[in-house]
C-alpha atoms as a PDB file:
ATOM      1  CA  MET A   1     -13.010 -76.134 -30.844  1.00  0.00           C
ATOM      2  CA  LEU A   2     -10.633 -79.083 -30.973  1.00  0.00           C
ATOM      3  CA  LYS A   3      -7.449 -78.176 -32.846  1.00  0.00           C
ATOM      4  CA  GLY A   4      -5.191 -80.615 -34.655  1.00  0.00           C
ATOM      5  CA  ASN A   5      -2.222 -79.893 -36.879  1.00  0.00           C
ATOM      6  CA  LEU A   6      -4.274 -79.067 -39.973  1.00  0.00           C
ATOM      7  CA  VAL A   7      -7.939 -79.130 -38.981  1.00  0.00           C
ATOM      8  CA  GLY A   8     -10.302 -78.010 -36.279  1.00  0.00           C
ATOM      9  CA  ILE A   9     -13.410 -79.861 -35.136  1.00  0.00           C
ATOM     10  CA  ARG A  10     -16.330 -77.869 -33.769  1.00  0.00           C
ATOM     11  CA  PRO A  11     -20.120 -78.122 -33.354  1.00  0.00           C
ATOM     12  CA  ILE A  12     -22.239 -77.606 -36.463  1.00  0.00           C
ATOM     13  CA  VAL A  13     -23.688 -74.099 -36.885  1.00  0.00           C
ATOM     14  CA  SER A  14     -26.440 -72.939 -39.239  1.00  0.00           C
ATOM     15  CA  ASP A  15     -23.924 -71.365 -41.628  1.00  0.00           C
ATOM     16  CA  ASP A  16     -22.471 -74.853 -42.254  1.00  0.00           C
ATOM     17  CA  LEU A  17     -25.695 -76.366 -43.541  1.00  0.00           C
ATOM     18  CA  GLY A  18     -25.355 -75.232 -47.151  1.00  0.00           C
ATOM     19  CA  PHE A  19     -21.855 -76.653 -47.355  1.00  0.00           C
ATOM     20  CA  LEU A  20     -22.950 -79.946 -45.748  1.00  0.00           C
ATOM     21  CA  ALA A  21     -25.800 -80.308 -48.260  1.00  0.00           C
ATOM     22  CA  ASP A  22     -23.377 -79.696 -51.131  1.00  0.00           C
ATOM     23  CA  MET A  23     -20.940 -82.260 -49.712  1.00  0.00           C
ATOM     24  CA  ASP A  24     -23.663 -84.887 -49.330  1.00  0.00           C
ATOM     25  CA  ALA A  25     -24.647 -84.315 -52.969  1.00  0.00           C
ATOM     26  CA  ASP A  26     -21.089 -84.519 -54.301  1.00  0.00           C
ATOM     27  CA  PRO A  27     -20.807 -87.649 -56.512  1.00  0.00           C
ATOM     28  CA  GLU A  28     -17.297 -88.524 -55.279  1.00  0.00           C
ATOM     29  CA  VAL A  29     -18.350 -88.295 -51.633  1.00  0.00           C
ATOM     30  CA  ARG A  30     -21.534 -90.288 -52.237  1.00  0.00           C
ATOM     31  CA  GLY A  31     -19.578 -92.993 -54.046  1.00  0.00           C
ATOM     32  CA  ASN A  32     -17.091 -93.522 -51.224  1.00  0.00           C
ATOM     33  CA  VAL A  33     -19.264 -93.411 -48.103  1.00  0.00           C
ATOM     34  CA  VAL A  34     -20.838 -96.610 -46.806  1.00  0.00           C
ATOM     35  CA  GLY A  35     -24.362 -95.360 -46.234  1.00  0.00           C
ATOM     36  CA  TRP A  36     -26.761 -94.415 -49.021  1.00  0.00           C
ATOM     37  CA  ASP A  37     -29.762 -92.090 -49.085  1.00  0.00           C
ATOM     38  CA  TRP A  38     -31.626 -89.830 -51.484  1.00  0.00           C
ATOM     39  CA  PRO A  39     -29.877 -86.507 -52.128  1.00  0.00           C
ATOM     40  CA  VAL A  40     -30.804 -83.839 -49.561  1.00  0.00           C
ATOM     41  CA  SER A  41     -31.684 -80.272 -50.553  1.00  0.00           C
ATOM     42  CA  ARG A  42     -30.288 -77.252 -48.740  1.00  0.00           C
ATOM     43  CA  ASP A  43     -33.777 -76.602 -47.302  1.00  0.00           C
ATOM     44  CA  ALA A  44     -34.042 -80.145 -45.914  1.00  0.00           C
ATOM     45  CA  GLN A  45     -30.574 -79.910 -44.368  1.00  0.00           C
ATOM     46  CA  ALA A  46     -31.959 -77.628 -41.640  1.00  0.00           C
ATOM     47  CA  ASP A  47     -34.514 -80.300 -40.661  1.00  0.00           C
ATOM     48  CA  TRP A  48     -31.711 -82.892 -40.550  1.00  0.00           C
ATOM     49  CA  HIS A  49     -29.711 -80.659 -38.227  1.00  0.00           C
ATOM     50  CA  LYS A  50     -32.660 -80.112 -35.862  1.00  0.00           C
ATOM     51  CA  ALA A  51     -33.458 -83.833 -35.727  1.00  0.00           C
ATOM     52  CA  SER A  52     -29.885 -84.709 -34.748  1.00  0.00           C
ATOM     53  CA  HIS A  53     -30.170 -82.678 -31.541  1.00  0.00           C
ATOM     54  CA  GLY A  54     -32.837 -85.028 -30.217  1.00  0.00           C
ATOM     55  CA  ASN A  55     -30.712 -88.165 -30.509  1.00  0.00           C
ATOM     56  CA  PRO A  56     -28.562 -88.817 -27.409  1.00  0.00           C
ATOM     57  CA  ARG A  57     -26.588 -91.504 -29.247  1.00  0.00           C
ATOM     58  CA  THR A  58     -25.337 -89.182 -32.011  1.00  0.00           C
ATOM     59  CA  ARG A  59     -22.994 -86.188 -32.012  1.00  0.00           C
ATOM     60  CA  ARG A  60     -22.006 -84.609 -35.346  1.00  0.00           C
ATOM     61  CA  PHE A  61     -19.295 -81.997 -35.879  1.00  0.00           C
ATOM     62  CA  THR A  62     -17.978 -79.818 -38.676  1.00  0.00           C
ATOM     63  CA  VAL A  63     -14.363 -80.275 -39.741  1.00  0.00           C
ATOM     64  CA  VAL A  64     -12.773 -76.934 -40.620  1.00  0.00           C
ATOM     65  CA  GLU A  65      -9.440 -75.909 -42.093  1.00  0.00           C
ATOM     66  CA  LEU A  66      -7.485 -74.661 -39.111  1.00  0.00           C
ATOM     67  CA  GLU A  67      -5.826 -71.769 -40.924  1.00  0.00           C
ATOM     68  CA  THR A  68      -8.965 -70.255 -42.467  1.00  0.00           C
ATOM     69  CA  GLY A  69     -11.836 -71.696 -40.417  1.00  0.00           C
ATOM     70  CA  ALA A  70     -13.607 -72.737 -43.620  1.00  0.00           C
ATOM     71  CA  PRO A  71     -15.697 -75.935 -43.409  1.00  0.00           C
ATOM     72  CA  ILE A  72     -14.164 -78.885 -45.238  1.00  0.00           C
ATOM     73  CA  GLY A  73     -15.992 -81.917 -43.861  1.00  0.00           C
ATOM     74  CA  LEU A  74     -18.062 -83.729 -41.260  1.00  0.00           C
ATOM     75  CA  THR A  75     -17.213 -86.127 -38.450  1.00  0.00           C
ATOM     76  CA  GLY A  76     -18.778 -87.306 -35.216  1.00  0.00           C
ATOM     77  CA  LEU A  77     -19.887 -90.198 -33.080  1.00  0.00           C
ATOM     78  CA  TRP A  78     -22.843 -92.393 -33.961  1.00  0.00           C
ATOM     79  CA  GLU A  79     -24.452 -95.361 -32.184  1.00  0.00           C
ATOM     80  CA  ILE A  80     -22.907 -94.296 -28.875  1.00  0.00           C
ATOM     81  CA  ASP A  81     -23.118 -97.212 -26.435  1.00  0.00           C
ATOM     82  CA  TRP A  82     -22.535 -95.787 -22.961  1.00  0.00           C
ATOM     83  CA  HIS A  83     -22.705 -99.174 -21.237  1.00  0.00           C
ATOM     84  CA  ASN A  84     -19.985-100.725 -23.396  1.00  0.00           C
ATOM     85  CA  ARG A  85     -18.236 -97.385 -23.970  1.00  0.00           C
ATOM     86  CA  SER A  86     -18.060 -97.702 -27.733  1.00  0.00           C
ATOM     87  CA  ALA A  87     -19.222 -95.730 -30.755  1.00  0.00           C
ATOM     88  CA  LEU A  88     -19.182 -95.625 -34.527  1.00  0.00           C
ATOM     89  CA  THR A  89     -17.123 -92.820 -36.030  1.00  0.00           C
ATOM     90  CA  ALA A  90     -16.401 -91.601 -39.556  1.00  0.00           C
ATOM     91  CA  VAL A  91     -14.943 -88.645 -41.443  1.00  0.00           C
ATOM     92  CA  LYS A  92     -16.252 -87.154 -44.695  1.00  0.00           C
ATOM     93  CA  LEU A  93     -14.157 -84.505 -46.464  1.00  0.00           C
ATOM     94  CA  MET A  94     -15.087 -82.395 -49.474  1.00  0.00           C
ATOM     95  CA  PRO A  95     -12.823 -83.171 -52.450  1.00  0.00           C
ATOM     96  CA  GLY A  96     -10.641 -80.232 -53.414  1.00  0.00           C
ATOM     97  CA  ARG A  97     -11.075 -78.389 -50.110  1.00  0.00           C
ATOM     98  CA  ALA A  98      -9.213 -80.508 -47.571  1.00  0.00           C
ATOM     99  CA  PRO A  99      -5.421 -80.151 -47.344  1.00  0.00           C
ATOM    100  CA  LYS A 100      -3.301 -83.267 -47.648  1.00  0.00           C
ATOM    101  CA  GLY A 101      -3.259 -85.091 -44.310  1.00  0.00           C
ATOM    102  CA  ALA A 102      -6.577 -83.637 -43.127  1.00  0.00           C
ATOM    103  CA  GLY A 103      -8.183 -87.086 -42.953  1.00  0.00           C
ATOM    104  CA  SER A 104      -5.560 -88.595 -40.648  1.00  0.00           C
ATOM    105  CA  ASP A 105      -5.451 -85.415 -38.561  1.00  0.00           C
ATOM    106  CA  SER A 106      -9.253 -85.549 -38.102  1.00  0.00           C
ATOM    107  CA  ILE A 107      -9.165 -89.231 -37.146  1.00  0.00           C
ATOM    108  CA  MET A 108      -6.380 -88.765 -34.584  1.00  0.00           C
ATOM    109  CA  LEU A 109      -8.146 -85.769 -33.055  1.00  0.00           C
ATOM    110  CA  MET A 110     -11.459 -87.619 -32.773  1.00  0.00           C
ATOM    111  CA  MET A 111      -9.754 -90.633 -31.199  1.00  0.00           C
ATOM    112  CA  ALA A 112      -7.969 -88.515 -28.586  1.00  0.00           C
ATOM    113  CA  TRP A 113     -11.194 -86.687 -27.731  1.00  0.00           C
ATOM    114  CA  SER A 114     -13.324 -89.857 -27.666  1.00  0.00           C
ATOM    115  CA  PHE A 115     -10.903 -91.829 -25.490  1.00  0.00           C
ATOM    116  CA  TYR A 116      -9.656 -89.112 -23.127  1.00  0.00           C
ATOM    117  CA  GLU A 117     -12.536 -86.617 -22.881  1.00  0.00           C
ATOM    118  CA  VAL A 118     -15.702 -88.586 -23.619  1.00  0.00           C
ATOM    119  CA  GLY A 119     -14.418 -91.724 -21.870  1.00  0.00           C
ATOM    120  CA  LEU A 120     -14.960 -94.318 -24.604  1.00  0.00           C
ATOM    121  CA  ARG A 121     -12.714 -97.360 -24.941  1.00  0.00           C
ATOM    122  CA  ARG A 122     -13.545 -98.618 -28.468  1.00  0.00           C
ATOM    123  CA  LEU A 123     -14.297 -96.944 -31.789  1.00  0.00           C
ATOM    124  CA  HIS A 124     -15.490 -98.792 -34.874  1.00  0.00           C
ATOM    125  CA  GLY A 125     -16.403 -98.070 -38.462  1.00  0.00           C
ATOM    126  CA  ALA A 126     -16.759 -99.490 -41.960  1.00  0.00           C
ATOM    127  CA  ILE A 127     -14.829 -98.933 -45.194  1.00  0.00           C
ATOM    128  CA  LEU A 128     -15.697 -99.997 -48.738  1.00  0.00           C
ATOM    129  CA  ASP A 129     -13.146-102.395 -50.222  1.00  0.00           C
ATOM    130  CA  PHE A 130     -12.201-100.016 -53.067  1.00  0.00           C
ATOM    131  CA  ASN A 131     -11.721 -96.962 -50.827  1.00  0.00           C
ATOM    132  CA  ALA A 132      -7.924 -97.007 -50.651  1.00  0.00           C
ATOM    133  CA  ALA A 133      -7.721 -93.492 -49.173  1.00  0.00           C
ATOM    134  CA  SER A 134      -9.786 -94.426 -46.119  1.00  0.00           C
ATOM    135  CA  GLN A 135      -7.943 -97.715 -45.654  1.00  0.00           C
ATOM    136  CA  GLY A 136      -4.655 -95.828 -45.745  1.00  0.00           C
ATOM    137  CA  ALA A 137      -5.803 -93.207 -43.240  1.00  0.00           C
ATOM    138  CA  TYR A 138      -7.493 -95.504 -40.723  1.00  0.00           C
ATOM    139  CA  VAL A 139      -5.516 -98.758 -40.944  1.00  0.00           C
ATOM    140  CA  ARG A 140      -2.026 -97.801 -42.089  1.00  0.00           C
ATOM    141  CA  ARG A 141      -1.606 -94.367 -40.507  1.00  0.00           C
ATOM    142  CA  CYS A 142      -3.958 -94.320 -37.510  1.00  0.00           C
ATOM    143  CA  GLY A 143      -3.615 -97.840 -36.107  1.00  0.00           C
ATOM    144  CA  TRP A 144      -7.064 -99.276 -36.796  1.00  0.00           C
ATOM    145  CA  ARG A 145      -7.482-103.000 -37.418  1.00  0.00           C
ATOM    146  CA  VAL A 146      -9.658-104.837 -39.917  1.00  0.00           C
ATOM    147  CA  GLU A 147     -11.887-107.096 -37.822  1.00  0.00           C
ATOM    148  CA  GLY A 148     -14.012-108.615 -40.547  1.00  0.00           C
ATOM    149  CA  ARG A 149     -15.307-108.514 -44.099  1.00  0.00           C
ATOM    150  CA  GLU A 150     -18.925-108.494 -45.256  1.00  0.00           C
ATOM    151  CA  ARG A 151     -18.918-109.962 -48.733  1.00  0.00           C
ATOM    152  CA  GLU A 152     -20.828-108.136 -51.494  1.00  0.00           C
ATOM    153  CA  ALA A 153     -22.630-106.038 -48.906  1.00  0.00           C
ATOM    154  CA  VAL A 154     -22.850-102.670 -50.680  1.00  0.00           C
ATOM    155  CA  PHE A 155     -24.094-101.743 -54.169  1.00  0.00           C
ATOM    156  CA  ARG A 156     -21.975 -99.158 -55.999  1.00  0.00           C
ATOM    157  CA  ASN A 157     -21.528 -98.280 -59.669  1.00  0.00           C
ATOM    158  CA  GLY A 158     -23.705-101.167 -60.785  1.00  0.00           C
ATOM    159  CA  GLY A 159     -21.851-103.835 -58.831  1.00  0.00           C
ATOM    160  CA  TRP A 160     -21.509-105.376 -55.398  1.00  0.00           C
ATOM    161  CA  HIS A 161     -18.577-104.639 -53.100  1.00  0.00           C
ATOM    162  CA  ASP A 162     -17.216-105.988 -49.828  1.00  0.00           C
ATOM    163  CA  LEU A 163     -17.420-103.958 -46.640  1.00  0.00           C
ATOM    164  CA  LEU A 164     -14.462-103.949 -44.256  1.00  0.00           C
ATOM    165  CA  ARG A 165     -15.293-103.694 -40.549  1.00  0.00           C
ATOM    166  CA  VAL A 166     -12.553-101.754 -38.740  1.00  0.00           C
ATOM    167  CA  ALA A 167     -12.010-100.751 -35.111  1.00  0.00           C
ATOM    168  CA  ILE A 168      -9.484 -99.495 -32.581  1.00  0.00           C
ATOM    169  CA  LEU A 169      -9.192 -99.815 -28.798  1.00  0.00           C
ATOM    170  CA  ARG A 170      -7.909 -97.083 -26.533  1.00  0.00           C
ATOM    171  CA  ARG A 171      -4.809 -99.102 -25.624  1.00  0.00           C
ATOM    172  CA  GLU A 172      -4.004 -99.464 -29.334  1.00  0.00           C
ATOM    173  CA  PHE A 173      -4.347 -95.719 -29.796  1.00  0.00           C
ATOM    174  CA  ASP A 174      -1.991 -95.198 -26.841  1.00  0.00           C
ATOM    175  CA  ASP A 175       0.681 -97.236 -28.652  1.00  0.00           C
ATOM    176  CA  LEU A 176       0.767 -94.814 -31.612  1.00  0.00           C
ATOM    177  CA  ALA A 177       3.840 -92.595 -31.758  1.00  0.00           C
ATOM    178  CA  ASN A 178       1.876 -89.329 -31.935  1.00  0.00           C
ATOM    179  CA  ALA A 179      -0.988 -90.272 -29.590  1.00  0.00           C
ATOM    180  CA  GLU A 180       0.322 -88.297 -26.625  1.00  0.00           C
ATOM    181  CA  ALA A 181       0.619 -85.108 -28.680  1.00  0.00           C
ATOM    182  CA  TYR A 182      -3.036 -85.349 -29.713  1.00  0.00           C
ATOM    183  CA  VAL A 183      -4.139 -86.080 -26.158  1.00  0.00           C
ATOM    184  CA  ARG A 184      -2.372 -82.894 -25.042  1.00  0.00           C
ATOM    185  CA  ARG A 185      -4.273 -80.947 -27.685  1.00  0.00           C
ATOM    186  CA  VAL A 186      -7.591 -82.295 -26.400  1.00  0.00           C
ATOM    187  CA  CYS A 187      -6.749 -82.299 -22.660  1.00  0.00           C
ATOM    188  CA  PRO A 188      -4.231 -79.480 -22.078  1.00  0.00           C
ATOM    189  CA  VAL A 189      -4.694 -79.349 -18.303  1.00  0.00           C
ATOM    190  CA  ASP A 190      -2.076 -81.300 -16.331  1.00  0.00           C
ATOM    191  CA  THR A 191      -4.021 -83.574 -13.981  1.00  0.00           C
ATOM    192  CA  SER A 192      -1.042 -85.299 -12.402  1.00  0.00           C
ATOM    193  CA  PRO A 193      -0.752 -84.963  -8.576  1.00  0.00           C
ATOM    194  CA  ALA A 194       2.475 -82.988  -8.920  1.00  0.00           C
ATOM    195  CA  ALA A 195       0.584 -80.277 -10.788  1.00  0.00           C
ATOM    196  CA  ASP A 196      -1.765 -79.515  -7.886  1.00  0.00           C
ATOM    197  CA  SER A 197       0.501 -77.133  -5.995  1.00  0.00           C
ATOM    198  CA  ALA A 198       1.599 -75.217  -9.104  1.00  0.00           C
ATOM    199  CA  ALA A 199      -1.793 -74.834 -10.775  1.00  0.00           C
ATOM    200  CA  PRO A 200      -3.556 -71.453 -10.434  1.00  0.00           C
ATOM    201  CA  ILE A 201      -6.782 -71.515  -8.441  1.00  0.00           C
ATOM    202  CA  ALA A 202      -9.602 -70.983 -10.931  1.00  0.00           C
ATOM    203  CA  GLY A 203     -12.486 -71.634  -8.574  1.00  0.00           C
ATOM    204  CA  GLY A 204     -13.578 -73.088  -5.303  1.00  0.00           C
ATOM    205  CA  PRO A 205     -16.656 -73.844  -3.229  1.00  0.00           C
ATOM    206  CA  GLY A 206     -19.538 -71.638  -4.196  1.00  0.00           C
ATOM    207  CA  THR A 207     -18.054 -70.363  -7.455  1.00  0.00           C
ATOM    208  CA  ARG A 208     -20.099 -70.329 -10.653  1.00  0.00           C
END
């Protein structure tokens, strides 16, 4: 499990599926996410989980409260483009369950993991124009940039709203004041040449 300051990010397990179905059905969550679909029952959530395993361009994870281990949201990588080393990412958190700062903590953790473990160089996403919380987390606190605006692209609450296209490059993440701390959380092993002589030998030729 990846561990931030407030949250952990781990693979989805079957015990999470009921919570994820409830989160997808929550009116506040549904109103703020970009995508739209028919509500999913708890029974259908298991089929959704199985189908995601067959898609090499998608990896979904459960966001948990670090202190208790209780699920509080969903994140992941979608539309993974291995040739161009980019992917879509997003975070959904259940209202009333996530501690303050959990959104930014999740975003920073996913960026560190995506850039320094997976090997991507660009992450992108989309935010509805009225979603001030997401704009604050991604753009103001986590260094993302607004790259474009799709006018009246999404239908919500009986009206049309603009969609902001946002993205961040690895070098822009590196410029953030707390980037190095998150990288250390994701990649705790010192890979610098000076560490070779001091590191304990954990394996060698022929080990399994």
